PDB file of N, CA and C in Angstrom:
ATOM      1  N   MET A   1       0.941  -1.263   0.030  1.00  0.00           N
ATOM      2  CA  MET A   1      -0.072   0.132  -0.068  1.00  0.00           C
ATOM      3  C   MET A   1       0.845   1.163  -0.077  1.00  0.00           C
ATOM      4  N   ASN A   2       0.569   2.221  -0.948  1.00  0.00           N
ATOM      5  CA  ASN A   2       1.414   3.378  -1.007  1.00  0.00           C
ATOM      6  C   ASN A   2       0.887   4.444  -0.047  1.00  0.00           C
ATOM      7  N   SER A   3       1.400   5.632   0.260  1.00  0.00           N
ATOM      8  CA  SER A   3       1.116   6.622   1.196  1.00  0.00           C
ATOM      9  C   SER A   3      -0.347   7.312   0.750  1.00  0.00           C
ATOM     10  N   VAL A   4      -0.620   7.361  -0.442  1.00  0.00           N
ATOM     11  CA  VAL A   4      -1.876   7.870  -0.717  1.00  0.00           C
ATOM     12  C   VAL A   4      -3.107   6.796  -0.287  1.00  0.00           C
ATOM     13  N   GLU A   5      -2.849   5.581  -0.659  1.00  0.00           N
ATOM     14  CA  GLU A   5      -3.823   4.624  -0.372  1.00  0.00           C
ATOM     15  C   GLU A   5      -3.938   4.756   1.257  1.00  0.00           C
ATOM     16  N   TYR A   6      -2.878   4.639   2.001  1.00  0.00           N
ATOM     17  CA  TYR A   6      -2.988   4.784   3.380  1.00  0.00           C
ATOM     18  C   TYR A   6      -3.598   5.982   3.987  1.00  0.00           C
ATOM     19  N   ALA A   7      -3.427   6.945   3.416  1.00  0.00           N
ATOM     20  CA  ALA A   7      -3.965   8.250   3.821  1.00  0.00           C
ATOM     21  C   ALA A   7      -5.618   8.121   3.706  1.00  0.00           C
ATOM     22  N   LYS A   8      -5.957   7.586   2.604  1.00  0.00           N
ATOM     23  CA  LYS A   8      -7.428   7.382   2.210  1.00  0.00           C
ATOM     24  C   LYS A   8      -8.073   6.605   3.436  1.00  0.00           C
ATOM     25  N   LYS A   9      -7.434   5.511   3.792  1.00  0.00           N
ATOM     26  CA  LYS A   9      -7.937   4.796   4.671  1.00  0.00           C
ATOM     27  C   LYS A   9      -7.933   5.278   5.993  1.00  0.00           C
ATOM     28  N   LEU A  10      -7.252   6.271   6.430  1.00  0.00           N
ATOM     29  CA  LEU A  10      -7.206   6.833   7.594  1.00  0.00           C
ATOM     30  C   LEU A  10      -8.165   8.023   7.622  1.00  0.00           C
ATOM     31  N   THR A  11      -8.700   8.470   6.501  1.00  0.00           N
ATOM     32  CA  THR A  11      -9.677   9.628   6.406  1.00  0.00           C
ATOM     33  C   THR A  11     -10.967   9.014   6.927  1.00  0.00           C
ATOM     34  N   LYS A  12     -11.594   9.856   7.832  1.00  0.00           N
ATOM     35  CA  LYS A  12     -12.953   9.402   8.617  1.00  0.00           C
ATOM     36  C   LYS A  12     -13.785  10.625   8.717  1.00  0.00           C
ATOM     37  N   GLY A  13     -15.075  10.278   8.720  1.00  0.00           N
ATOM     38  CA  GLY A  13     -16.100  11.534   9.017  1.00  0.00           C
ATOM     39  C   GLY A  13     -16.642  12.111   7.926  1.00  0.00           C
ATOM     40  N   GLU A  14     -17.541  13.013   8.261  1.00  0.00           N
ATOM     41  CA  GLU A  14     -18.166  13.712   7.038  1.00  0.00           C
ATOM     42  C   GLU A  14     -18.331  15.252   7.533  1.00  0.00           C
ATOM     43  N   GLY A  15     -18.596  16.059   6.527  1.00  0.00           N
ATOM     44  CA  GLY A  15     -18.681  17.565   6.816  1.00  0.00           C
ATOM     45  C   GLY A  15     -17.700  18.154   7.646  1.00  0.00           C
ATOM     46  N   PRO A  16     -18.223  18.967   8.546  1.00  0.00           N
ATOM     47  CA  PRO A  16     -17.273  19.768   9.566  1.00  0.00           C
ATOM     48  C   PRO A  16     -16.432  18.884  10.477  1.00  0.00           C
ATOM     49  N   TYR A  17     -16.810  17.490  10.428  1.00  0.00           N
ATOM     50  CA  TYR A  17     -16.183  16.364  11.410  1.00  0.00           C
ATOM     51  C   TYR A  17     -15.227  15.653  10.588  1.00  0.00           C
ATOM     52  N   LYS A  18     -15.047  15.852   9.363  1.00  0.00           N
ATOM     53  CA  LYS A  18     -14.126  15.024   8.659  1.00  0.00           C
ATOM     54  C   LYS A  18     -12.679  15.306   8.867  1.00  0.00           C
ATOM     55  N   GLN A  19     -11.957  14.145   9.146  1.00  0.00           N
ATOM     56  CA  GLN A  19     -10.698  14.169   9.464  1.00  0.00           C
ATOM     57  C   GLN A  19      -9.843  13.441   8.520  1.00  0.00           C
ATOM     58  N   TYR A  20      -8.923  14.185   7.811  1.00  0.00           N
ATOM     59  CA  TYR A  20      -7.944  13.535   6.779  1.00  0.00           C
ATOM     60  C   TYR A  20      -6.994  12.712   7.273  1.00  0.00           C
ATOM     61  N   GLY A  21      -6.639  11.682   6.537  1.00  0.00           N
ATOM     62  CA  GLY A  21      -5.455  10.750   6.929  1.00  0.00           C
ATOM     63  C   GLY A  21      -4.010  11.154   6.526  1.00  0.00           C
ATOM     64  N   THR A  22      -4.136  12.535   5.899  1.00  0.00           N
ATOM     65  CA  THR A  22      -2.760  12.957   5.843  1.00  0.00           C
ATOM     66  C   THR A  22      -2.784  14.501   6.152  1.00  0.00           C
ATOM     67  N   PHE A  23      -1.517  14.955   6.373  1.00  0.00           N
ATOM     68  CA  PHE A  23      -1.182  16.252   6.743  1.00  0.00           C
ATOM     69  C   PHE A  23       0.104  16.861   6.171  1.00  0.00           C
ATOM     70  N   PHE A  24      -0.148  18.014   5.390  1.00  0.00           N
ATOM     71  CA  PHE A  24       1.136  18.670   4.920  1.00  0.00           C
ATOM     72  C   PHE A  24       1.222  19.945   5.830  1.00  0.00           C
ATOM     73  N   HIS A  25       2.366  20.039   6.469  1.00  0.00           N
ATOM     74  CA  HIS A  25       2.676  21.185   7.309  1.00  0.00           C
ATOM     75  C   HIS A  25       2.663  22.534   6.377  1.00  0.00           C
ATOM     76  N   THR A  26       2.707  23.588   6.741  1.00  0.00           N
ATOM     77  CA  THR A  26       2.692  24.797   5.917  1.00  0.00           C
ATOM     78  C   THR A  26       4.163  25.135   5.504  1.00  0.00           C
ATOM     79  N   TRP A  27       5.119  24.357   5.811  1.00  0.00           N
ATOM     80  CA  TRP A  27       6.468  24.593   5.415  1.00  0.00           C
ATOM     81  C   TRP A  27       6.517  24.762   3.871  1.00  0.00           C
ATOM     82  N   LYS A  28       7.242  25.619   3.302  1.00  0.00           N
ATOM     83  CA  LYS A  28       7.229  25.777   1.887  1.00  0.00           C
ATOM     84  C   LYS A  28       7.956  24.606   1.084  1.00  0.00           C
ATOM     85  N   ASP A  29       8.674  23.878   1.751  1.00  0.00           N
ATOM     86  CA  ASP A  29       9.376  22.680   1.165  1.00  0.00           C
ATOM     87  C   ASP A  29       8.694  21.639   0.768  1.00  0.00           C
ATOM     88  N   TYR A  30       7.424  21.553   1.006  1.00  0.00           N
ATOM     89  CA  TYR A  30       6.784  20.339   0.638  1.00  0.00           C
ATOM     90  C   TYR A  30       6.504  20.249  -0.993  1.00  0.00           C
ATOM     91  N   LEU A  31       6.752  21.153  -1.559  1.00  0.00           N
ATOM     92  CA  LEU A  31       6.468  21.235  -3.169  1.00  0.00           C
ATOM     93  C   LEU A  31       7.838  20.500  -3.562  1.00  0.00           C
ATOM     94  N   LEU A  32       8.889  20.477  -2.712  1.00  0.00           N
ATOM     95  CA  LEU A  32      10.005  19.639  -3.225  1.00  0.00           C
ATOM     96  C   LEU A  32      10.155  18.178  -2.763  1.00  0.00           C
ATOM     97  N   LEU A  33       9.032  17.729  -2.075  1.00  0.00           N
ATOM     98  CA  LEU A  33       9.039  16.467  -1.368  1.00  0.00           C
ATOM     99  C   LEU A  33       9.698  15.350  -2.068  1.00  0.00           C
ATOM    100  N   LYS A  34       9.403  15.069  -3.377  1.00  0.00           N
ATOM    101  CA  LYS A  34       9.962  13.959  -4.148  1.00  0.00           C
ATOM    102  C   LYS A  34      11.544  14.419  -4.674  1.00  0.00           C
ATOM    103  N   LYS A  35      11.680  15.578  -4.737  1.00  0.00           N
ATOM    104  CA  LYS A  35      13.129  16.107  -5.211  1.00  0.00           C
ATOM    105  C   LYS A  35      14.187  15.689  -4.114  1.00  0.00           C
ATOM    106  N   TYR A  36      13.727  15.519  -3.128  1.00  0.00           N
ATOM    107  CA  TYR A  36      14.678  15.276  -2.096  1.00  0.00           C
ATOM    108  C   TYR A  36      15.174  13.774  -2.102  1.00  0.00           C
ATOM    109  N   SER A  37      14.716  12.991  -2.750  1.00  0.00           N
ATOM    110  CA  SER A  37      14.853  11.651  -3.006  1.00  0.00           C
ATOM    111  C   SER A  37      16.120  11.566  -4.080  1.00  0.00           C
ATOM    112  N   SER A  38      16.413  12.712  -4.682  1.00  0.00           N
ATOM    113  CA  SER A  38      17.353  12.656  -5.857  1.00  0.00           C
ATOM    114  C   SER A  38      18.773  13.015  -5.163  1.00  0.00           C
ATOM    115  N   PRO A  39      19.902  12.410  -5.746  1.00  0.00           N
ATOM    116  CA  PRO A  39      21.064  12.849  -5.202  1.00  0.00           C
ATOM    117  C   PRO A  39      21.758  14.166  -5.705  1.00  0.00           C
ATOM    118  N   VAL A  40      21.057  14.701  -6.819  1.00  0.00           N
ATOM    119  CA  VAL A  40      21.426  15.835  -7.172  1.00  0.00           C
ATOM    120  C   VAL A  40      20.162  16.847  -7.492  1.00  0.00           C
ATOM    121  N   ASN A  41      20.387  18.112  -7.613  1.00  0.00           N
ATOM    122  CA  ASN A  41      19.359  19.124  -7.843  1.00  0.00           C
ATOM    123  C   ASN A  41      18.109  18.939  -6.989  1.00  0.00           C
ATOM    124  N   GLN A  42      18.391  19.051  -5.723  1.00  0.00           N
ATOM    125  CA  GLN A  42      17.042  18.729  -4.646  1.00  0.00           C
ATOM    126  C   GLN A  42      16.425  20.129  -4.315  1.00  0.00           C
ATOM    127  N   ASN A  43      16.858  21.072  -4.950  1.00  0.00           N
ATOM    128  CA  ASN A  43      16.285  22.365  -4.642  1.00  0.00           C
ATOM    129  C   ASN A  43      15.491  22.978  -5.849  1.00  0.00           C
ATOM    130  N   ILE A  44      14.945  24.111  -5.669  1.00  0.00           N
ATOM    131  CA  ILE A  44      14.212  24.769  -6.801  1.00  0.00           C
ATOM    132  C   ILE A  44      15.325  25.286  -7.940  1.00  0.00           C
ATOM    133  N   LEU A  45      16.378  25.328  -7.546  1.00  0.00           N
ATOM    134  CA  LEU A  45      17.502  25.807  -8.584  1.00  0.00           C
ATOM    135  C   LEU A  45      18.275  24.541  -8.695  1.00  0.00           C
ATOM    136  N   THR A  46      18.934  24.453 -10.001  1.00  0.00           N
ATOM    137  CA  THR A  46      19.944  23.439  -9.976  1.00  0.00           C
ATOM    138  C   THR A  46      21.173  23.708  -9.066  1.00  0.00           C
ATOM    139  N   ASP A  47      21.866  22.630  -8.861  1.00  0.00           N
ATOM    140  CA  ASP A  47      22.848  22.608  -7.790  1.00  0.00           C
ATOM    141  C   ASP A  47      23.941  23.904  -8.052  1.00  0.00           C
ATOM    142  N   ASP A  48      24.372  24.162  -9.293  1.00  0.00           N
ATOM    143  CA  ASP A  48      25.126  25.109  -9.563  1.00  0.00           C
ATOM    144  C   ASP A  48      24.506  26.641  -9.393  1.00  0.00           C
ATOM    145  N   GLY A  49      23.163  26.608  -9.264  1.00  0.00           N
ATOM    146  CA  GLY A  49      22.404  27.834  -8.954  1.00  0.00           C
ATOM    147  C   GLY A  49      22.125  28.682 -10.471  1.00  0.00           C
ATOM    148  N   SER A  50      22.566  27.968 -11.424  1.00  0.00           N
ATOM    149  CA  SER A  50      22.338  28.703 -12.772  1.00  0.00           C
ATOM    150  C   SER A  50      21.045  28.847 -13.359  1.00  0.00           C
ATOM    151  N   LYS A  51      20.079  27.941 -13.021  1.00  0.00           N
ATOM    152  CA  LYS A  51      18.589  27.983 -13.516  1.00  0.00           C
ATOM    153  C   LYS A  51      17.739  27.366 -12.747  1.00  0.00           C
ATOM    154  N   PHE A  52      16.471  27.704 -12.860  1.00  0.00           N
ATOM    155  CA  PHE A  52      15.308  27.204 -12.208  1.00  0.00           C
ATOM    156  C   PHE A  52      15.136  25.856 -12.698  1.00  0.00           C
ATOM    157  N   ASP A  53      14.806  24.832 -11.867  1.00  0.00           N
ATOM    158  CA  ASP A  53      14.815  23.434 -12.330  1.00  0.00           C
ATOM    159  C   ASP A  53      13.252  22.944 -12.532  1.00  0.00           C
ATOM    160  N   ALA A  54      12.603  23.704 -13.527  1.00  0.00           N
ATOM    161  CA  ALA A  54      11.338  23.403 -13.563  1.00  0.00           C
ATOM    162  C   ALA A  54      11.027  22.306 -14.442  1.00  0.00           C
ATOM    163  N   ASP A  55      12.023  21.767 -15.233  1.00  0.00           N
ATOM    164  CA  ASP A  55      11.845  20.727 -16.070  1.00  0.00           C
ATOM    165  C   ASP A  55      12.065  19.320 -15.357  1.00  0.00           C
ATOM    166  N   ASN A  56      12.582  19.492 -14.065  1.00  0.00           N
ATOM    167  CA  ASN A  56      12.793  18.326 -13.367  1.00  0.00           C
ATOM    168  C   ASN A  56      11.462  17.343 -13.166  1.00  0.00           C
ATOM    169  N   PRO A  57      11.346  16.057 -13.652  1.00  0.00           N
ATOM    170  CA  PRO A  57      10.206  15.449 -13.231  1.00  0.00           C
ATOM    171  C   PRO A  57       9.722  15.236 -11.958  1.00  0.00           C
ATOM    172  N   LEU A  58      10.787  15.249 -10.962  1.00  0.00           N
ATOM    173  CA  LEU A  58      10.520  14.960  -9.685  1.00  0.00           C
ATOM    174  C   LEU A  58       9.739  16.268  -9.145  1.00  0.00           C
ATOM    175  N   LEU A  59       9.992  17.457  -9.616  1.00  0.00           N
ATOM    176  CA  LEU A  59       9.320  18.708  -9.094  1.00  0.00           C
ATOM    177  C   LEU A  59       7.939  18.398  -9.622  1.00  0.00           C
ATOM    178  N   LYS A  60       7.553  18.181 -10.923  1.00  0.00           N
ATOM    179  CA  LYS A  60       6.258  17.967 -11.230  1.00  0.00           C
ATOM    180  C   LYS A  60       5.612  16.874 -10.421  1.00  0.00           C
ATOM    181  N   SER A  61       6.221  15.805 -10.285  1.00  0.00           N
ATOM    182  CA  SER A  61       5.590  14.684  -9.461  1.00  0.00           C
ATOM    183  C   SER A  61       5.235  15.239  -8.057  1.00  0.00           C
ATOM    184  N   SER A  62       6.043  16.049  -7.304  1.00  0.00           N
ATOM    185  CA  SER A  62       5.896  16.577  -6.002  1.00  0.00           C
ATOM    186  C   SER A  62       4.617  17.379  -6.178  1.00  0.00           C
ATOM    187  N   LEU A  63       4.514  18.241  -6.890  1.00  0.00           N
ATOM    188  CA  LEU A  63       3.448  19.050  -7.068  1.00  0.00           C
ATOM    189  C   LEU A  63       2.005  18.511  -7.359  1.00  0.00           C
ATOM    190  N   GLU A  64       2.266  17.415  -8.175  1.00  0.00           N
ATOM    191  CA  GLU A  64       1.030  16.557  -8.337  1.00  0.00           C
ATOM    192  C   GLU A  64       0.453  15.907  -7.189  1.00  0.00           C
ATOM    193  N   LEU A  65       1.400  15.377  -6.411  1.00  0.00           N
ATOM    194  CA  LEU A  65       1.146  14.681  -5.184  1.00  0.00           C
ATOM    195  C   LEU A  65       0.552  15.720  -4.248  1.00  0.00           C
ATOM    196  N   LEU A  66       0.997  16.832  -4.037  1.00  0.00           N
ATOM    197  CA  LEU A  66       0.295  17.852  -3.327  1.00  0.00           C
ATOM    198  C   LEU A  66      -1.013  18.107  -3.665  1.00  0.00           C
ATOM    199  N   TYR A  67      -1.197  18.488  -4.808  1.00  0.00           N
ATOM    200  CA  TYR A  67      -2.449  18.803  -5.603  1.00  0.00           C
ATOM    201  C   TYR A  67      -3.523  17.790  -5.334  1.00  0.00           C
ATOM    202  N   ASN A  68      -3.228  16.493  -5.599  1.00  0.00           N
ATOM    203  CA  ASN A  68      -4.069  15.435  -5.582  1.00  0.00           C
ATOM    204  C   ASN A  68      -4.423  15.128  -4.070  1.00  0.00           C
ATOM    205  N   MET A  69      -3.574  15.200  -3.181  1.00  0.00           N
ATOM    206  CA  MET A  69      -3.883  14.984  -1.738  1.00  0.00           C
ATOM    207  C   MET A  69      -4.687  16.016  -1.287  1.00  0.00           C
ATOM    208  N   GLU A  70      -4.452  17.367  -1.606  1.00  0.00           N
ATOM    209  CA  GLU A  70      -5.370  18.477  -0.959  1.00  0.00           C
ATOM    210  C   GLU A  70      -6.472  18.720  -1.805  1.00  0.00           C
ATOM    211  N   GLN A  71      -6.517  18.369  -2.989  1.00  0.00           N
ATOM    212  CA  GLN A  71      -7.680  18.789  -3.808  1.00  0.00           C
ATOM    213  C   GLN A  71      -8.626  17.654  -4.414  1.00  0.00           C
ATOM    214  N   VAL A  72      -7.792  16.657  -4.898  1.00  0.00           N
ATOM    215  CA  VAL A  72      -8.494  15.552  -5.642  1.00  0.00           C
ATOM    216  C   VAL A  72      -9.197  14.453  -4.576  1.00  0.00           C
ATOM    217  N   ASN A  73      -8.330  13.968  -3.829  1.00  0.00           N
ATOM    218  CA  ASN A  73      -8.687  12.790  -2.870  1.00  0.00           C
ATOM    219  C   ASN A  73      -9.200  13.397  -1.546  1.00  0.00           C
ATOM    220  N   ARG A  74     -10.274  14.111  -1.485  1.00  0.00           N
ATOM    221  CA  ARG A  74     -10.853  14.579  -0.532  1.00  0.00           C
ATOM    222  C   ARG A  74     -11.843  13.865  -0.004  1.00  0.00           C
TER     223      ARG A  74
END
C-alpha cells in the first residue's frame, strides 16, 4: 500500500467533522518532497544555481502529489 492509499484509509467522518488521513505542514519545502530523493538538484534551482529546475520530473511529481492529496482525494 502506498502513502496515498494509506491516507485514504485513515480519512474518517463527514462535513465539518471530517478528519483527513494526511497532513502537509505549511512549510514551503513540501513542493520539493520527491526532489529530496534525488542525489542531485534537490532544490528549486539546479545545484550550481544557474537555472530554475522547472523541467525536473520530480518537481512535477511533487506538485501533483500535493495537488491530488489536497484537492482531488478529499
